[in-house]
Amino acid sequence: MSTPTSPAPLDADGTERPDGAPTAPRRPRRWAPSRRVTVLAGTVAGAALAGATRTTWAQATAPDLTGAAQEVAVTGSDAAPTVLALGLVALAASLATSLSSSWVRFVTGPVLVAAGLGAAWSAVAVVLDPTGASGSATGEATGIVGGQVQATATSWPVLTLVPALLVAVVGVMVLLVGRSWPRGTRYRSAAVAAPADPERDPAAAWDALTRGEDPSVEDEDPSAEDDHQSADDDPSAEDDGRPHGSR
């Protein structure tokens, strides 16, 4: 009567290993954000950066034409118009990152980094000099350019640093992790393999002409051609002119 054998020991990944063999250490799996997550993060950060410029970044006081002091709420688009422009640039660059071309990340990555750092610097400039950042808005509100302006910054320029730095981080991730993203080639191969019927699909016919093919030429059935060839090569199928059954 045979003795039952014990199952072979398994490695950390589930594969069998011989007795006495050392167990291979399991390598830690590094997490890398996918293209979808990166594009979503950049889009949200760019939209938040542009939307933050609609809030009040500084409270200014300046005399009007009558000499009375007038309070002016300076928005971010007036105090730092560069932040709004860079937010829109970051939004467009994040959407362009969704393209499957591998060279796109070498363009959108640096653009996102530059947009994030530039917006962060513009927000810090408002905090350091709120009076200078409020000059244009107060001059337009009071009608006096170059008057005595007193302004204090609110908390919004500091809060804007969060989406600005997030845009820069997304740009760095695009440059570092973008090479591991898969390329979308199934649509191209499907378009090449699809037959072009001018009557049913005019667009497919134009695509075939673009590839240098003639959509009006139909491919012959290779099985039918093989049947004709086998019939021609079979000597028993030839009619020798004698009635069937005669010798």
C-alpha atoms as a PDB file:
ATOM      1  CA  MET A   1       0.000   0.000   0.000  1.00  0.00           C
ATOM      2  CA  SER A   2       1.541   3.287  -1.143  1.00  0.00           C
ATOM      3  CA  THR A   3       2.128   6.082   1.304  1.00  0.00           C
ATOM      4  CA  PRO A   4       0.379   9.358   0.330  1.00  0.00           C
ATOM      5  CA  THR A   5       2.799  12.084  -0.587  1.00  0.00           C
ATOM      6  CA  SER A   6       2.475  15.554   0.849  1.00  0.00           C
ATOM      7  CA  PRO A   7       1.957  18.400  -1.602  1.00  0.00           C
ATOM      8  CA  ALA A   8       5.003  20.331  -2.673  1.00  0.00           C
ATOM      9  CA  PRO A   9       5.558  23.615  -0.842  1.00  0.00           C
ATOM     10  CA  LEU A  10       4.520  26.777  -2.620  1.00  0.00           C
ATOM     11  CA  ASP A  11       6.386  30.014  -3.135  1.00  0.00           C
ATOM     12  CA  ALA A  12       4.984  33.382  -2.177  1.00  0.00           C
ATOM     13  CA  ASP A  13       3.528  33.782  -5.678  1.00  0.00           C
ATOM     14  CA  GLY A  14       1.746  30.383  -5.560  1.00  0.00           C
ATOM     15  CA  THR A  15       4.175  28.312  -7.696  1.00  0.00           C
ATOM     16  CA  GLU A  16       5.537  24.968  -6.530  1.00  0.00           C
ATOM     17  CA  ARG A  17       9.145  24.708  -5.446  1.00  0.00           C
ATOM     18  CA  PRO A  18      11.251  21.645  -4.627  1.00  0.00           C
ATOM     19  CA  ASP A  19      11.852  20.586  -1.051  1.00  0.00           C
ATOM     20  CA  GLY A  20      14.609  22.478   0.642  1.00  0.00           C
ATOM     21  CA  ALA A  21      14.601  25.328  -1.849  1.00  0.00           C
ATOM     22  CA  PRO A  22      14.625  28.776  -0.237  1.00  0.00           C
ATOM     23  CA  THR A  23      11.477  30.814  -0.490  1.00  0.00           C
ATOM     24  CA  ALA A  24      11.888  33.770  -2.865  1.00  0.00           C
ATOM     25  CA  PRO A  25      11.045  37.064  -1.162  1.00  0.00           C
ATOM     26  CA  ARG A  26       7.989  38.825  -2.500  1.00  0.00           C
ATOM     27  CA  ARG A  27       8.833  42.102  -4.164  1.00  0.00           C
ATOM     28  CA  PRO A  28       6.691  45.039  -3.099  1.00  0.00           C
ATOM     29  CA  ARG A  29       4.396  46.192  -5.877  1.00  0.00           C
ATOM     30  CA  ARG A  30       4.833  49.879  -6.582  1.00  0.00           C
ATOM     31  CA  TRP A  31       1.598  51.719  -7.205  1.00  0.00           C
ATOM     32  CA  ALA A  32       1.562  54.025 -10.212  1.00  0.00           C
ATOM     33  CA  PRO A  33      -1.424  56.161 -11.192  1.00  0.00           C
ATOM     34  CA  SER A  34      -3.129  55.263 -14.435  1.00  0.00           C
ATOM     35  CA  ARG A  35      -3.698  57.652 -17.305  1.00  0.00           C
ATOM     36  CA  ARG A  36      -7.340  58.118 -16.309  1.00  0.00           C
ATOM     37  CA  VAL A  37      -6.491  59.004 -12.708  1.00  0.00           C
ATOM     38  CA  THR A  38      -3.750  61.411 -13.792  1.00  0.00           C
ATOM     39  CA  VAL A  39      -5.955  63.164 -16.329  1.00  0.00           C
ATOM     40  CA  LEU A  40      -8.781  63.437 -13.799  1.00  0.00           C
ATOM     41  CA  ALA A  41      -6.477  64.894 -11.136  1.00  0.00           C
ATOM     42  CA  GLY A  42      -4.999  67.431 -13.560  1.00  0.00           C
ATOM     43  CA  THR A  43      -8.414  68.441 -14.854  1.00  0.00           C
ATOM     44  CA  VAL A  44      -9.834  68.958 -11.364  1.00  0.00           C
ATOM     45  CA  ALA A  45      -6.748  70.896 -10.239  1.00  0.00           C
ATOM     46  CA  GLY A  46      -6.782  73.121 -13.339  1.00  0.00           C
ATOM     47  CA  ALA A  47     -10.502  73.845 -12.967  1.00  0.00           C
ATOM     48  CA  ALA A  48     -10.063  74.613  -9.259  1.00  0.00           C
ATOM     49  CA  LEU A  49      -7.143  76.907 -10.050  1.00  0.00           C
ATOM     50  CA  ALA A  50      -9.169  78.851 -12.600  1.00  0.00           C
ATOM     51  CA  GLY A  51     -12.257  78.922 -10.384  1.00  0.00           C
ATOM     52  CA  ALA A  52     -10.331  80.285  -7.395  1.00  0.00           C
ATOM     53  CA  THR A  53      -9.694  83.540  -9.277  1.00  0.00           C
ATOM     54  CA  ARG A  54     -13.402  84.417  -9.022  1.00  0.00           C
ATOM     55  CA  THR A  55     -13.123  84.861  -5.250  1.00  0.00           C
ATOM     56  CA  THR A  56     -11.949  87.941  -3.335  1.00  0.00           C
ATOM     57  CA  TRP A  57      -8.189  87.961  -2.948  1.00  0.00           C
ATOM     58  CA  ALA A  58      -7.766  91.415  -1.404  1.00  0.00           C
ATOM     59  CA  GLN A  59      -9.802  94.109   0.362  1.00  0.00           C
ATOM     60  CA  ALA A  60      -8.691  97.566  -0.767  1.00  0.00           C
ATOM     61  CA  THR A  61      -9.595 101.102   0.256  1.00  0.00           C
ATOM     62  CA  ALA A  62      -9.026 104.064  -2.075  1.00  0.00           C
ATOM     63  CA  PRO A  63     -10.460 107.606  -2.427  1.00  0.00           C
ATOM     64  CA  ASP A  64     -12.863 108.281  -5.274  1.00  0.00           C
ATOM     65  CA  LEU A  65     -13.362 111.517  -7.262  1.00  0.00           C
ATOM     66  CA  THR A  66     -15.219 113.126  -4.364  1.00  0.00           C
ATOM     67  CA  GLY A  67     -12.446 112.327  -1.915  1.00  0.00           C
ATOM     68  CA  ALA A  68     -14.486 109.788   0.026  1.00  0.00           C
ATOM     69  CA  ALA A  69     -12.866 106.467   0.868  1.00  0.00           C
ATOM     70  CA  GLN A  70     -14.317 103.613  -1.121  1.00  0.00           C
ATOM     71  CA  GLU A  71     -13.861  99.948  -0.332  1.00  0.00           C
ATOM     72  CA  VAL A  72     -13.110  97.672  -3.280  1.00  0.00           C
ATOM     73  CA  ALA A  73     -13.212  93.882  -3.260  1.00  0.00           C
ATOM     74  CA  VAL A  74     -10.408  92.760  -5.573  1.00  0.00           C
ATOM     75  CA  THR A  75     -10.966  89.361  -7.168  1.00  0.00           C
ATOM     76  CA  GLY A  76      -8.208  86.965  -8.094  1.00  0.00           C
ATOM     77  CA  SER A  77      -8.655  87.597 -11.820  1.00  0.00           C
ATOM     78  CA  ASP A  78      -7.888  91.307 -11.178  1.00  0.00           C
ATOM     79  CA  ALA A  79      -5.150  90.803  -8.589  1.00  0.00           C
ATOM     80  CA  ALA A  80      -3.365  88.008 -10.488  1.00  0.00           C
ATOM     81  CA  PRO A  81      -4.706  87.559 -14.035  1.00  0.00           C
ATOM     82  CA  THR A  82      -1.811  85.198 -14.734  1.00  0.00           C
ATOM     83  CA  VAL A  83      -3.342  82.600 -12.422  1.00  0.00           C
ATOM     84  CA  LEU A  84      -6.527  82.457 -14.489  1.00  0.00           C
ATOM     85  CA  ALA A  85      -4.566  82.063 -17.728  1.00  0.00           C
ATOM     86  CA  LEU A  86      -2.337  79.351 -16.275  1.00  0.00           C
ATOM     87  CA  GLY A  87      -5.363  77.525 -14.868  1.00  0.00           C
ATOM     88  CA  LEU A  88      -6.899  77.332 -18.339  1.00  0.00           C
ATOM     89  CA  VAL A  89      -3.562  76.162 -19.752  1.00  0.00           C
ATOM     90  CA  ALA A  90      -3.358  73.428 -17.109  1.00  0.00           C
ATOM     91  CA  LEU A  91      -6.909  72.354 -17.908  1.00  0.00           C
ATOM     92  CA  ALA A  92      -6.130  72.060 -21.629  1.00  0.00           C
ATOM     93  CA  ALA A  93      -2.845  70.237 -21.007  1.00  0.00           C
ATOM     94  CA  SER A  94      -4.555  67.729 -18.708  1.00  0.00           C
ATOM     95  CA  LEU A  95      -7.162  66.930 -21.340  1.00  0.00           C
ATOM     96  CA  ALA A  96      -4.436  66.569 -23.981  1.00  0.00           C
ATOM     97  CA  THR A  97      -2.698  64.011 -21.760  1.00  0.00           C
ATOM     98  CA  SER A  98      -5.605  61.624 -22.412  1.00  0.00           C
ATOM     99  CA  LEU A  99      -4.333  61.110 -25.980  1.00  0.00           C
ATOM    100  CA  SER A 100      -2.661  57.755 -26.575  1.00  0.00           C
ATOM    101  CA  SER A 101       0.426  59.117 -28.353  1.00  0.00           C
ATOM    102  CA  SER A 102       3.597  58.509 -26.378  1.00  0.00           C
ATOM    103  CA  TRP A 103       5.221  61.824 -27.266  1.00  0.00           C
ATOM    104  CA  VAL A 104       2.329  63.896 -25.881  1.00  0.00           C
ATOM    105  CA  ARG A 105       3.555  63.474 -22.314  1.00  0.00           C
ATOM    106  CA  PHE A 106       6.842  65.185 -23.192  1.00  0.00           C
ATOM    107  CA  VAL A 107       4.793  68.279 -24.060  1.00  0.00           C
ATOM    108  CA  THR A 108       2.008  68.241 -21.495  1.00  0.00           C
ATOM    109  CA  GLY A 109       4.254  67.236 -18.585  1.00  0.00           C
ATOM    110  CA  PRO A 110       6.523  70.318 -18.692  1.00  0.00           C
ATOM    111  CA  VAL A 111       3.532  72.546 -19.455  1.00  0.00           C
ATOM    112  CA  LEU A 112       1.737  71.334 -16.335  1.00  0.00           C
ATOM    113  CA  VAL A 113       4.823  71.795 -14.169  1.00  0.00           C
ATOM    114  CA  ALA A 114       5.399  75.331 -15.491  1.00  0.00           C
ATOM    115  CA  ALA A 115       1.717  76.255 -15.127  1.00  0.00           C
ATOM    116  CA  GLY A 116       1.542  75.018 -11.540  1.00  0.00           C
ATOM    117  CA  LEU A 117       4.724  76.733 -10.404  1.00  0.00           C
ATOM    118  CA  GLY A 118       3.843  79.947 -12.228  1.00  0.00           C
ATOM    119  CA  ALA A 119       0.394  80.098 -10.656  1.00  0.00           C
ATOM    120  CA  ALA A 120       1.858  79.415  -7.206  1.00  0.00           C
ATOM    121  CA  TRP A 121       4.367  82.249  -7.615  1.00  0.00           C
ATOM    122  CA  SER A 122       1.635  84.680  -8.739  1.00  0.00           C
ATOM    123  CA  ALA A 123      -0.473  83.806  -5.689  1.00  0.00           C
ATOM    124  CA  VAL A 124       2.477  84.349  -3.357  1.00  0.00           C
ATOM    125  CA  ALA A 125       3.131  87.737  -5.016  1.00  0.00           C
ATOM    126  CA  VAL A 126      -0.383  88.870  -4.072  1.00  0.00           C
ATOM    127  CA  VAL A 127       0.210  87.874  -0.450  1.00  0.00           C
ATOM    128  CA  LEU A 128       3.520  89.752  -0.361  1.00  0.00           C
ATOM    129  CA  ASP A 129       2.215  92.914  -2.067  1.00  0.00           C
ATOM    130  CA  PRO A 130      -1.584  93.196  -1.925  1.00  0.00           C
ATOM    131  CA  THR A 131      -1.487  96.958  -2.508  1.00  0.00           C
ATOM    132  CA  GLY A 132       0.346  96.655  -5.808  1.00  0.00           C
ATOM    133  CA  ALA A 133      -1.926  93.812  -6.913  1.00  0.00           C
ATOM    134  CA  SER A 134      -5.031  95.929  -6.150  1.00  0.00           C
ATOM    135  CA  GLY A 135      -3.940  99.039  -8.038  1.00  0.00           C
ATOM    136  CA  SER A 136      -5.652  98.196 -11.327  1.00  0.00           C
ATOM    137  CA  ALA A 137      -8.964  97.174  -9.743  1.00  0.00           C
ATOM    138  CA  THR A 138      -9.157 100.207  -7.450  1.00  0.00           C
ATOM    139  CA  GLY A 139      -8.305 102.595 -10.283  1.00  0.00           C
ATOM    140  CA  GLU A 140     -11.118 101.183 -12.389  1.00  0.00           C
ATOM    141  CA  ALA A 141     -13.591 101.313  -9.477  1.00  0.00           C
ATOM    142  CA  THR A 142     -12.797 104.851  -8.249  1.00  0.00           C
ATOM    143  CA  GLY A 143     -11.771 106.466 -11.505  1.00  0.00           C
ATOM    144  CA  ILE A 144      -8.445 107.616 -10.018  1.00  0.00           C
ATOM    145  CA  VAL A 145      -5.248 105.949 -11.189  1.00  0.00           C
ATOM    146  CA  GLY A 146      -2.302 106.119  -8.815  1.00  0.00           C
ATOM    147  CA  GLY A 147      -4.216 107.253  -5.732  1.00  0.00           C
ATOM    148  CA  GLN A 148      -3.554 106.265  -2.152  1.00  0.00           C
ATOM    149  CA  VAL A 149      -4.486 102.600  -1.921  1.00  0.00           C
ATOM    150  CA  GLN A 150      -4.480 100.472   1.191  1.00  0.00           C
ATOM    151  CA  ALA A 151      -5.113  96.762   0.787  1.00  0.00           C
ATOM    152  CA  THR A 152      -4.885  93.558   2.755  1.00  0.00           C
ATOM    153  CA  ALA A 153      -4.823  90.043   1.300  1.00  0.00           C
ATOM    154  CA  THR A 154      -7.431  87.457   2.189  1.00  0.00           C
ATOM    155  CA  SER A 155      -6.848  83.748   2.692  1.00  0.00           C
ATOM    156  CA  TRP A 156      -7.734  82.840  -0.911  1.00  0.00           C
ATOM    157  CA  PRO A 157      -4.247  83.413  -2.385  1.00  0.00           C
ATOM    158  CA  VAL A 158      -2.854  80.968   0.176  1.00  0.00           C
ATOM    159  CA  LEU A 159      -5.583  78.415  -0.534  1.00  0.00           C
ATOM    160  CA  THR A 160      -4.869  78.705  -4.255  1.00  0.00           C
ATOM    161  CA  LEU A 161      -1.425  77.251  -3.628  1.00  0.00           C
ATOM    162  CA  VAL A 162      -3.034  73.817  -3.140  1.00  0.00           C
ATOM    163  CA  PRO A 163      -4.398  73.359  -6.700  1.00  0.00           C
ATOM    164  CA  ALA A 164      -1.362  75.143  -8.141  1.00  0.00           C
ATOM    165  CA  LEU A 165       1.080  72.718  -6.540  1.00  0.00           C
ATOM    166  CA  LEU A 166      -1.192  69.799  -7.448  1.00  0.00           C
ATOM    167  CA  VAL A 167      -0.975  70.805 -11.104  1.00  0.00           C
ATOM    168  CA  ALA A 168       2.817  70.767 -10.849  1.00  0.00           C
ATOM    169  CA  VAL A 169       2.771  67.337  -9.200  1.00  0.00           C
ATOM    170  CA  VAL A 170       0.529  65.982 -11.959  1.00  0.00           C
ATOM    171  CA  GLY A 171       3.045  67.254 -14.516  1.00  0.00           C
ATOM    172  CA  VAL A 172       5.851  65.411 -12.763  1.00  0.00           C
ATOM    173  CA  MET A 173       3.779  62.217 -12.672  1.00  0.00           C
ATOM    174  CA  VAL A 174       3.068  62.505 -16.395  1.00  0.00           C
ATOM    175  CA  LEU A 175       6.798  62.619 -17.121  1.00  0.00           C
ATOM    176  CA  LEU A 176       7.720  59.787 -14.739  1.00  0.00           C
ATOM    177  CA  VAL A 177       4.827  57.341 -15.137  1.00  0.00           C
ATOM    178  CA  GLY A 178       3.561  58.200 -18.611  1.00  0.00           C
ATOM    179  CA  ARG A 179       5.880  55.730 -20.329  1.00  0.00           C
ATOM    180  CA  SER A 180       4.126  52.798 -18.619  1.00  0.00           C
ATOM    181  CA  TRP A 181       0.675  53.724 -19.911  1.00  0.00           C
ATOM    182  CA  PRO A 182      -0.715  51.466 -22.654  1.00  0.00           C
ATOM    183  CA  ARG A 183      -1.098  52.771 -26.162  1.00  0.00           C
ATOM    184  CA  GLY A 184      -4.492  52.617 -27.819  1.00  0.00           C
ATOM    185  CA  THR A 185      -3.946  50.819 -31.159  1.00  0.00           C
ATOM    186  CA  ARG A 186      -7.059  48.644 -31.362  1.00  0.00           C
ATOM    187  CA  TYR A 187      -9.069  51.345 -33.071  1.00  0.00           C
ATOM    188  CA  ARG A 188      -6.434  51.751 -35.753  1.00  0.00           C
ATOM    189  CA  SER A 189      -6.196  48.019 -36.436  1.00  0.00           C
ATOM    190  CA  ALA A 190      -9.977  47.679 -36.528  1.00  0.00           C
ATOM    191  CA  ALA A 191     -10.233  50.493 -39.063  1.00  0.00           C
ATOM    192  CA  VAL A 192      -7.667  48.839 -41.315  1.00  0.00           C
ATOM    193  CA  ALA A 193      -9.295  45.396 -41.119  1.00  0.00           C
ATOM    194  CA  ALA A 194     -12.874  46.603 -41.688  1.00  0.00           C
ATOM    195  CA  PRO A 195     -14.132  46.191 -45.275  1.00  0.00           C
ATOM    196  CA  ALA A 196     -15.123  49.348 -47.116  1.00  0.00           C
ATOM    197  CA  ASP A 197     -18.558  49.265 -48.769  1.00  0.00           C
ATOM    198  CA  PRO A 198     -19.215  52.527 -50.659  1.00  0.00           C
ATOM    199  CA  GLU A 199     -22.980  52.034 -50.584  1.00  0.00           C
ATOM    200  CA  ARG A 200     -23.353  51.201 -46.884  1.00  0.00           C
ATOM    201  CA  ASP A 201     -20.497  53.197 -45.379  1.00  0.00           C
ATOM    202  CA  PRO A 202     -19.203  56.134 -47.465  1.00  0.00           C
ATOM    203  CA  ALA A 203     -16.821  57.135 -44.655  1.00  0.00           C
ATOM    204  CA  ALA A 204     -15.137  53.716 -44.782  1.00  0.00           C
ATOM    205  CA  ALA A 205     -14.727  54.111 -48.535  1.00  0.00           C
ATOM    206  CA  TRP A 206     -12.935  57.418 -48.041  1.00  0.00           C
ATOM    207  CA  ASP A 207     -10.694  55.802 -45.428  1.00  0.00           C
ATOM    208  CA  ALA A 208      -9.842  53.031 -47.885  1.00  0.00           C
ATOM    209  CA  LEU A 209      -8.941  55.581 -50.561  1.00  0.00           C
ATOM    210  CA  THR A 210      -6.735  57.358 -48.022  1.00  0.00           C
ATOM    211  CA  ARG A 211      -4.862  54.094 -47.416  1.00  0.00           C
ATOM    212  CA  GLY A 212      -4.403  53.651 -51.180  1.00  0.00           C
ATOM    213  CA  GLU A 213      -6.994  50.876 -51.573  1.00  0.00           C
ATOM    214  CA  ASP A 214      -9.837  50.579 -54.075  1.00  0.00           C
ATOM    215  CA  PRO A 215     -13.112  50.072 -52.147  1.00  0.00           C
ATOM    216  CA  SER A 216     -14.988  49.039 -55.321  1.00  0.00           C
ATOM    217  CA  VAL A 217     -12.844  45.920 -55.791  1.00  0.00           C
ATOM    218  CA  GLU A 218     -14.197  42.942 -53.881  1.00  0.00           C
ATOM    219  CA  ASP A 219     -11.916  40.166 -52.754  1.00  0.00           C
ATOM    220  CA  GLU A 220     -12.629  36.813 -54.332  1.00  0.00           C
ATOM    221  CA  ASP A 221     -13.470  33.886 -52.126  1.00  0.00           C
ATOM    222  CA  PRO A 222     -10.286  31.814 -51.813  1.00  0.00           C
ATOM    223  CA  SER A 223     -12.281  28.655 -51.090  1.00  0.00           C
ATOM    224  CA  ALA A 224     -14.149  28.968 -54.396  1.00  0.00           C
ATOM    225  CA  GLU A 225     -10.897  29.486 -56.249  1.00  0.00           C
ATOM    226  CA  ASP A 226      -9.441  26.382 -54.625  1.00  0.00           C
ATOM    227  CA  ASP A 227     -12.502  24.356 -55.679  1.00  0.00           C
ATOM    228  CA  HIS A 228     -12.057  25.423 -59.303  1.00  0.00           C
ATOM    229  CA  GLN A 229      -8.371  24.581 -59.155  1.00  0.00           C
ATOM    230  CA  SER A 230      -8.994  21.118 -57.688  1.00  0.00           C
ATOM    231  CA  ALA A 231     -11.633  20.394 -60.328  1.00  0.00           C
ATOM    232  CA  ASP A 232      -9.223  21.333 -63.102  1.00  0.00           C
ATOM    233  CA  ASP A 233      -6.435  19.198 -61.687  1.00  0.00           C
ATOM    234  CA  ASP A 234      -8.599  16.072 -61.136  1.00  0.00           C
ATOM    235  CA  PRO A 235      -8.238  13.807 -64.219  1.00  0.00           C
ATOM    236  CA  SER A 236     -11.254  11.722 -63.217  1.00  0.00           C
ATOM    237  CA  ALA A 237     -13.495  14.729 -63.660  1.00  0.00           C
ATOM    238  CA  GLU A 238     -12.576  15.119 -67.338  1.00  0.00           C
ATOM    239  CA  ASP A 239     -15.074  13.884 -69.911  1.00  0.00           C
ATOM    240  CA  ASP A 240     -13.406  11.686 -72.538  1.00  0.00           C
ATOM    241  CA  GLY A 241     -16.451  11.732 -74.809  1.00  0.00           C
ATOM    242  CA  ARG A 242     -17.466   8.129 -74.097  1.00  0.00           C
ATOM    243  CA  PRO A 243     -20.781   7.261 -72.469  1.00  0.00           C
ATOM    244  CA  HIS A 244     -20.695   6.424 -68.812  1.00  0.00           C
ATOM    245  CA  GLY A 245     -20.211   2.772 -68.035  1.00  0.00           C
ATOM    246  CA  SER A 246     -18.483   1.928 -71.363  1.00  0.00           C
ATOM    247  CA  ARG A 247     -15.003   0.469 -71.357  1.00  0.00           C
END
